[in-house]
Protein backbone atom coordinates (compact mmCIF):
# COMPACT_ATOMS: atom_id res chain seq x y z
CA MET A 1 104.23 135.70 -36.46
CA THR A 2 100.92 135.11 -37.32
CA GLN A 3 98.10 134.59 -34.92
CA GLY A 4 96.66 131.03 -35.72
CA ARG A 5 96.48 129.35 -39.20
CA LEU A 6 96.67 130.42 -42.04
CA LYS A 7 94.38 130.57 -44.89
CA ILE A 8 94.98 131.13 -48.79
CA THR A 9 92.28 133.33 -50.45
CA LYS A 10 93.43 133.80 -53.39
CA ILE A 11 96.04 133.64 -56.57
CA GLU A 12 96.59 135.87 -59.29
CA LEU A 13 98.97 136.67 -61.42
CA VAL A 14 100.76 140.19 -61.31
CA ARG A 15 101.61 142.11 -64.89
CA LEU A 16 104.46 144.52 -64.64
CA ARG A 17 105.25 147.75 -66.33
CA LEU A 18 107.85 147.30 -69.34
CA VAL A 19 110.70 150.13 -68.64
CA GLU A 20 113.67 149.11 -71.27
CA GLU A 21 113.87 146.66 -73.81
CA ILE A 22 117.19 146.19 -73.46
CA GLY A 23 117.89 143.52 -76.62
CA GLU A 24 118.85 139.62 -77.57
CA ILE A 25 121.44 137.51 -77.68
CA GLU A 26 121.43 134.20 -79.67
CA PRO A 27 122.08 131.52 -76.94
CA ALA A 28 124.02 128.16 -77.46
CA TRP A 29 121.66 126.18 -77.00
CA ASP A 30 119.43 127.29 -79.26
CA LEU A 31 121.49 128.38 -82.63
CA GLY A 32 118.81 130.25 -84.49
CA GLY A 33 117.06 131.20 -82.10
CA ARG A 34 116.33 134.84 -79.88
CA LEU A 35 117.03 135.09 -75.40
CA HIS A 36 115.42 138.79 -74.45
CA PHE A 37 116.28 140.67 -72.49
CA ASN A 38 114.45 143.78 -70.84
CA ARG A 39 114.47 146.07 -67.42
CA GLY A 40 110.97 145.23 -65.91
CA GLY A 41 107.70 143.76 -68.09
CA GLY A 42 106.72 140.16 -67.55
CA GLN A 43 104.77 138.67 -65.07
CA ILE A 44 104.44 137.73 -61.29
CA VAL A 45 102.52 135.09 -59.02
CA ARG A 46 100.80 135.91 -56.00
CA VAL A 47 99.75 134.15 -53.36
CA HIS A 48 97.54 135.91 -50.36
CA THR A 49 96.05 134.42 -46.91
CA ASP A 50 93.87 135.39 -44.55
CA GLN A 51 96.38 137.54 -41.95
CA GLY A 52 97.77 139.76 -44.54
CA ILE A 53 100.71 137.99 -45.25
CA THR A 54 101.66 137.82 -49.11
CA GLY A 55 103.94 136.23 -50.75
CA ILE A 56 104.94 136.26 -54.03
CA GLY A 57 106.81 133.85 -57.11
CA PRO A 58 107.81 133.45 -60.46
CA ALA A 59 105.04 133.79 -63.49
CA VAL A 60 102.60 131.24 -64.25
CA ASP A 61 100.58 130.12 -67.06
CA GLU A 62 97.67 132.58 -67.12
CA ARG A 63 95.40 128.89 -68.03
CA ILE A 64 96.54 127.26 -64.36
CA ILE A 65 95.67 129.80 -61.61
CA ALA A 66 91.59 128.46 -61.86
CA ALA A 67 92.95 125.02 -61.13
CA ALA A 68 95.49 125.62 -58.31
CA SER A 69 93.32 127.87 -56.65
CA ALA A 70 90.52 125.17 -56.94
CA HIS A 71 92.86 123.30 -54.54
CA LEU A 72 94.44 125.64 -52.69
CA VAL A 73 92.25 127.92 -51.43
CA GLY A 74 91.08 127.31 -47.62
CA GLN A 75 94.46 125.66 -47.26
CA ASP A 76 96.90 126.29 -44.76
CA PRO A 77 100.10 127.30 -47.20
CA PHE A 78 102.33 125.75 -44.20
CA ASP A 79 101.14 122.02 -46.26
CA THR A 80 103.53 121.98 -48.73
CA GLU A 81 103.33 118.59 -49.37
CA LYS A 82 100.23 117.95 -49.84
CA HIS A 83 99.81 121.20 -51.52
CA VAL A 84 102.56 119.77 -54.21
CA GLY A 85 101.65 116.68 -54.72
CA ARG A 86 97.72 117.73 -55.50
CA LEU A 87 99.41 120.43 -57.94
CA ARG A 88 101.37 118.32 -59.96
CA TYR A 89 98.17 115.24 -60.02
CA TYR A 90 95.79 117.69 -61.01
CA VAL A 91 97.32 121.22 -62.68
CA GLN A 92 99.23 120.92 -66.28
CA GLY A 93 101.53 123.17 -66.33
CA THR A 94 104.88 123.92 -68.49
CA PRO A 95 108.95 123.99 -67.29
CA TYR A 96 109.22 127.88 -66.39
CA ARG A 97 104.89 128.70 -66.17
CA GLY A 98 104.16 125.62 -64.13
CA VAL A 99 103.39 125.84 -60.42
CA ALA A 100 106.94 126.45 -59.13
CA GLY A 101 105.86 129.48 -59.29
CA ILE A 102 102.98 128.98 -56.87
CA ASP A 103 105.11 126.68 -54.64
CA ILE A 104 107.96 129.24 -54.03
CA ALA A 105 105.13 131.80 -53.10
CA LEU A 106 103.80 129.31 -50.34
CA TRP A 107 107.30 129.39 -49.40
CA ASP A 108 108.04 133.14 -49.25
CA ILE A 109 104.70 132.88 -46.93
CA ILE A 110 106.09 130.70 -44.48
CA GLY A 111 108.95 132.36 -44.36
CA LYS A 112 106.87 135.55 -43.52
CA ALA A 113 104.97 133.86 -41.34
CA SER A 114 107.89 131.98 -39.08
CA GLY A 115 109.68 136.07 -39.61
CA GLN A 116 113.16 134.36 -41.06
CA PRO A 117 114.74 134.43 -44.54
CA LEU A 118 114.07 130.98 -45.88
CA TYR A 119 117.51 129.85 -45.64
CA LYS A 120 117.08 130.20 -41.99
CA LEU A 121 114.09 128.17 -42.03
CA TRP A 122 116.12 125.36 -43.58
CA GLY A 123 118.86 124.97 -41.53
CA GLY A 124 121.80 127.43 -43.58
CA ALA A 125 124.68 128.74 -41.90
CA LYS A 126 125.91 130.35 -45.17
CA ASP A 127 124.76 134.21 -45.43
CA LYS A 128 126.52 135.20 -48.73
CA VAL A 129 127.19 132.82 -51.61
CA ILE A 130 129.88 132.16 -54.45
CA PRO A 131 127.49 133.10 -58.07
CA TYR A 132 129.22 132.09 -61.47
CA ALA A 133 129.14 134.41 -64.57
CA SER A 134 127.22 131.98 -66.57
CA MET A 135 127.20 133.34 -69.75
CA VAL A 136 124.79 132.61 -73.01
CA LYS A 137 126.37 132.25 -76.17
CA LEU A 138 129.07 130.71 -78.34
CA SER A 139 131.67 133.55 -79.67
CA THR A 140 135.22 133.65 -80.36
CA PRO A 141 138.37 132.68 -78.06
CA GLU A 142 139.09 135.99 -77.87
CA GLU A 143 136.30 137.25 -77.04
CA ARG A 144 135.61 134.99 -74.65
CA ALA A 145 139.31 135.50 -72.90
CA GLU A 146 138.50 139.43 -73.03
CA ARG A 147 135.29 138.97 -71.08
CA ALA A 148 136.75 136.69 -68.51
CA THR A 149 139.22 138.84 -68.15
CA GLU A 150 136.48 141.60 -66.91
CA PHE A 151 134.74 139.05 -65.04
CA MET A 152 137.60 138.56 -63.08
CA GLU A 153 138.60 141.92 -62.69
CA GLN A 154 135.06 143.16 -61.69
CA GLY A 155 135.78 140.15 -58.28
CA TRP A 156 133.96 136.68 -59.98
CA LYS A 157 135.68 134.06 -58.96
CA ALA A 158 133.82 131.09 -61.34
CA LEU A 159 132.34 131.38 -65.36
CA LYS A 160 130.89 128.96 -67.31
CA MET A 161 131.29 128.62 -70.99
CA ARG A 162 129.56 127.62 -73.41
CA ILE A 163 131.13 125.30 -76.21
CA HIS A 164 130.08 122.64 -79.04
CA HIS A 165 131.52 124.53 -82.12
CA GLU A 166 131.41 122.58 -85.13
CA THR A 167 134.93 120.75 -84.50
CA LEU A 168 137.00 119.83 -80.85
CA ALA A 169 139.81 122.14 -81.92
CA GLN A 170 137.33 124.78 -81.76
CA ASP A 171 136.32 124.17 -78.24
CA VAL A 172 139.35 123.29 -76.74
CA GLU A 173 140.68 126.82 -78.32
CA ALA A 174 137.99 128.75 -77.00
CA VAL A 175 138.09 127.64 -73.41
CA GLU A 176 142.55 127.77 -73.88
CA ALA A 177 141.56 131.31 -74.27
CA VAL A 178 139.94 131.93 -71.01
CA ARG A 179 142.48 129.75 -68.99
CA GLY A 180 145.11 131.74 -70.47
CA ALA A 181 143.70 135.21 -69.77
CA VAL A 182 142.55 134.17 -65.70
CA GLY A 183 145.65 131.44 -64.75
CA ASP A 184 144.02 129.89 -62.06
CA ARG A 185 142.68 132.96 -59.69
CA MET A 186 138.63 131.61 -61.36
CA GLU A 187 137.09 127.88 -61.50
CA ILE A 188 136.02 127.73 -65.23
CA MET A 189 133.00 125.12 -65.86
CA VAL A 190 132.03 124.29 -69.45
CA ASP A 191 128.71 123.62 -71.03
CA ALA A 192 128.05 121.15 -73.82
CA ASN A 193 124.03 121.90 -73.32
CA GLN A 194 123.23 118.43 -74.69
CA ALA A 195 120.48 117.85 -72.51
CA GLN A 196 117.97 120.28 -73.98
CA SER A 197 116.24 117.67 -76.55
CA SER A 198 113.60 115.63 -75.10
CA GLY A 199 114.44 113.32 -77.78
CA ASP A 200 117.88 112.81 -79.52
CA TRP A 201 117.48 115.87 -82.18
CA GLN A 202 118.01 119.67 -81.50
CA PRO A 203 119.83 122.36 -82.80
CA GLY A 204 123.35 122.86 -83.14
CA PHE A 205 126.39 120.65 -83.15
CA GLN A 206 124.91 116.76 -81.80
CA TRP A 207 128.18 115.26 -79.80
CA ASP A 208 128.13 111.44 -79.85
CA TYR A 209 130.10 109.30 -77.26
CA ARG A 210 133.41 109.80 -78.84
CA ARG A 211 133.36 113.80 -78.80
CA ALA A 212 132.32 113.62 -74.93
CA VAL A 213 135.19 111.92 -74.02
CA GLU A 214 137.45 113.27 -75.76
CA THR A 215 136.46 117.07 -75.02
CA ALA A 216 135.81 115.70 -71.69
CA ARG A 217 140.14 115.25 -71.31
CA GLU A 218 141.27 117.73 -72.99
CA LEU A 219 138.84 119.90 -70.51
CA GLN A 220 140.39 117.63 -67.88
CA ARG A 221 143.76 119.01 -68.61
CA LEU A 222 142.69 122.63 -68.44
CA ASP A 223 141.22 122.19 -64.98
CA CYS A 224 138.14 123.06 -65.68
CA TYR A 225 135.36 122.69 -62.82
CA TRP A 226 132.82 120.45 -64.64
CA LEU A 227 131.32 119.10 -67.43
CA GLU A 228 128.13 119.90 -68.09
CA GLU A 229 125.69 118.08 -70.64
CA PRO A 230 127.93 116.55 -72.99
CA LEU A 231 125.45 113.18 -73.53
CA PRO A 232 121.47 113.73 -74.06
CA ARG A 233 118.98 113.62 -71.24
CA HIS A 234 117.92 110.57 -70.71
CA TYR A 235 121.39 108.78 -72.04
CA TYR A 236 122.36 107.17 -68.51
CA ASP A 237 124.09 103.90 -69.53
CA GLN A 238 126.23 106.33 -71.79
CA LEU A 239 126.76 108.96 -69.08
CA SER A 240 127.28 106.59 -66.68
CA ARG A 241 129.85 104.87 -68.86
CA LEU A 242 132.16 108.69 -69.63
CA GLN A 243 131.75 109.45 -65.94
CA ALA A 244 133.88 106.10 -65.45
CA GLN A 245 136.51 107.09 -67.89
CA VAL A 246 137.28 110.37 -66.71
CA ASP A 247 138.59 112.51 -64.41
CA ILE A 248 136.74 115.78 -64.32
CA PRO A 249 133.57 115.87 -62.51
CA ILE A 250 130.36 115.71 -65.07
CA ALA A 251 127.51 117.27 -64.47
CA GLY A 252 123.78 118.06 -65.57
CA GLY A 253 119.56 117.47 -64.81
CA GLU A 254 118.25 120.98 -65.24
CA ASN A 255 115.87 119.20 -67.71
CA ASN A 256 114.85 116.09 -65.88
CA GLU A 257 111.19 116.94 -64.12
CA HIS A 258 110.70 114.63 -61.81
CA VAL A 259 112.50 113.68 -58.15
CA HIS A 260 112.61 109.40 -59.02
CA GLU A 261 115.16 110.55 -62.62
CA PHE A 262 117.71 112.11 -59.78
CA LEU A 263 117.34 109.11 -57.51
CA THR A 264 118.37 107.08 -61.17
CA MET A 265 120.72 109.47 -61.81
CA CYS A 266 122.48 109.04 -57.97
CA GLN A 267 121.92 105.41 -57.96
CA ASP A 268 123.65 104.26 -61.28
CA GLY A 269 126.66 107.06 -60.82
CA VAL A 270 125.37 109.57 -64.09
CA TYR A 271 125.92 112.96 -63.12
CA ASP A 272 129.07 113.54 -60.44
CA LEU A 273 127.28 116.99 -59.34
CA LEU A 274 123.39 117.49 -59.81
CA GLN A 275 121.64 120.55 -61.10
CA PRO A 276 117.98 120.25 -60.61
CA GLU A 277 115.75 123.06 -61.64
CA SER A 278 112.95 124.06 -59.44
CA MET A 279 110.84 126.25 -62.19
CA VAL A 280 111.05 122.46 -64.28
CA LEU A 281 110.29 120.35 -61.55
CA ASP A 282 107.31 122.49 -60.14
CA GLY A 283 109.53 123.93 -57.28
CA ILE A 284 111.38 124.24 -54.30
CA THR A 285 109.83 121.58 -52.52
CA ALA A 286 110.56 118.91 -54.87
CA SER A 287 114.33 120.90 -55.08
CA ARG A 288 114.81 120.29 -51.44
CA LYS A 289 114.20 116.38 -51.87
CA ILE A 290 117.25 116.41 -54.43
CA GLY A 291 119.34 118.18 -52.05
CA VAL A 292 119.35 115.83 -49.90
CA MET A 293 119.15 113.02 -52.08
CA ALA A 294 122.45 114.17 -52.86
CA GLU A 295 124.18 114.58 -49.45
CA VAL A 296 123.43 111.04 -48.75
CA PHE A 297 124.97 109.90 -51.94
CA GLY A 298 128.10 111.90 -51.45
CA LYS A 299 127.28 114.29 -54.34
CA LYS A 300 127.72 117.95 -54.74
CA LEU A 301 124.69 119.76 -56.14
CA VAL A 302 124.08 123.49 -58.23
CA PRO A 303 121.11 124.42 -58.79
CA HIS A 304 120.70 125.53 -62.66
CA HIS A 305 119.47 129.63 -63.25
CA GLY A 306 115.79 129.63 -62.07
CA GLY A 307 114.99 131.85 -64.70
CA GLY A 308 116.28 135.23 -63.83
CA ASP A 309 114.54 136.52 -61.20
CA ILE A 310 111.91 135.57 -58.20
CA GLY A 311 113.50 131.54 -59.11
CA VAL A 312 117.42 133.10 -58.66
CA ILE A 313 116.13 133.89 -55.27
CA ALA A 314 114.51 131.06 -54.31
CA HIS A 315 118.43 129.64 -55.73
CA LEU A 316 120.18 131.23 -53.79
CA HIS A 317 118.32 130.28 -50.41
CA LEU A 318 118.57 126.85 -51.68
CA VAL A 319 122.41 126.88 -52.00
CA ALA A 320 123.17 129.09 -48.39
CA SER A 321 121.21 126.23 -47.15
CA TRP A 322 122.83 123.39 -49.09
CA PRO A 323 126.65 122.80 -47.47
CA HIS A 324 127.52 120.83 -50.29
CA ALA A 325 126.47 123.68 -52.81
CA PRO A 326 129.53 125.55 -53.80
CA PHE A 327 127.94 127.87 -56.39
CA LEU A 328 124.88 129.29 -57.39
CA GLU A 329 124.12 130.23 -60.89
CA LEU A 330 123.40 133.02 -62.37
CA LEU A 331 122.91 134.12 -66.06
CA HIS A 332 124.55 137.05 -67.33
CA GLU A 333 126.13 137.94 -70.62
CA PRO A 334 126.81 141.66 -70.10
CA PRO A 335 125.70 143.83 -71.40
CA ILE A 336 122.56 143.08 -72.79
CA GLY A 337 122.38 139.83 -70.83
CA ASP A 338 123.28 141.50 -67.82
CA TYR A 339 121.72 139.56 -64.78
CA ARG A 340 120.52 143.00 -62.94
CA HIS A 341 118.52 143.50 -65.93
CA ARG A 342 116.22 140.98 -64.25
CA PHE A 343 116.96 141.97 -61.18
CA SER A 344 115.23 145.34 -61.71
CA ILE A 345 111.83 144.16 -60.92
CA MET A 346 112.84 144.05 -57.53
CA THR A 347 113.37 147.27 -54.88
CA ASN A 348 116.58 145.45 -52.91
CA ALA A 349 117.71 142.59 -55.14
CA PRO A 350 121.10 141.52 -54.22
CA GLU A 351 124.33 142.07 -56.40
CA VAL A 352 127.93 140.57 -56.75
CA ASP A 353 130.17 142.04 -54.84
CA SER A 354 133.67 143.20 -55.55
CA GLU A 355 134.98 140.20 -53.73
CA GLY A 356 132.98 137.77 -55.70
CA TYR A 357 129.89 136.47 -53.52
CA MET A 358 125.94 137.56 -53.42
CA ALA A 359 124.48 137.88 -49.87
CA VAL A 360 122.06 136.43 -49.33
CA PRO A 361 118.62 138.59 -48.26
CA GLN A 362 117.75 139.06 -44.54
CA GLY A 363 114.50 139.97 -44.93
CA PRO A 364 111.71 136.66 -44.15
CA GLY A 365 110.67 134.25 -46.79
CA LEU A 366 112.59 135.67 -49.52
CA GLY A 367 113.23 138.59 -48.66
CA VAL A 368 112.49 140.35 -51.67
CA GLU A 369 110.02 143.03 -52.35
CA ILE A 370 108.55 143.95 -55.85
CA ASP A 371 108.82 147.85 -56.84
CA GLU A 372 105.12 148.58 -56.87
CA ASP A 373 105.87 151.29 -59.07
CA LEU A 374 106.09 148.80 -61.67
CA ILE A 375 102.29 146.44 -60.80
CA GLU A 376 99.78 147.66 -63.56
CA LYS A 377 96.81 148.07 -62.14
CA SER A 378 93.76 145.72 -63.35
């Protein structure tokens, strides 16, 4: 516990030593591109205080450190509402490299100063959650069924597969193969990845409204848990019509950057299930507001994957604090894209157990520690 009010003294970007380059995968949402996986490497942000309590968060763009420091040094880290407003106004960042890492680090400080894990500070009663294996690539029905069987045998309770092959028949064949392999022993989520772009064009096969409706009805027949991002990000009218026409829940929101967009989604019936991404929304302060909003409108929510390392831990605490959040997304495409590669920067990272659960860290704040041996000395 702290003695009196804390003051922020320093914000720094810390580089981590690369241990091993694992490999790369062509992601379904960026066909032709590459998603790299390493053990170690990359960066984190640290926020220091005058009482020796330090918070950690995902990396931010190095160019915003000075601007963020100008508004936060000397301030009380507990004043999150003030800080998030000023940072959004004065500090220009980009999704996944913006001020979200600083916001998460501030909450880590708050938890450490209070002596409580974050999910407990937020009123959470779940000490473990159900992660789903979020697969990365498009593949053959046979390979996806084989992978799904492996997950099931390891204890996973749910998985998400990517579709949007050139034909509806190919998409359905892939999902049918996975359903045939796991039966009713796993939940299957399906992601069409049609909302990656802020405009109308993106890599890969692009769906129209008819393709979205026909796919949704096929996935409904196969008892899938949701269909994610079946249309472009801001096609709110079409998404509302789609949701009214089918019974399968329609999910989305990972690329939407503002809280007011989620209010519109709720008011206009755009999605059944919301998927806020704290690394896009400038942090978990905003994500918590969307959690309350979802509850008021009677919707479930499952946050997007959080970038793979510390952001996932923040989302783990959020899911544990929300009774209407049934799952945690965990990007997982082994062997190259195993979630544990990015978790390797932490000495006490949680893991999926043999019954398909992930325990919430019980230490104060985020409850995880960065491996000090990986920190590069300046």
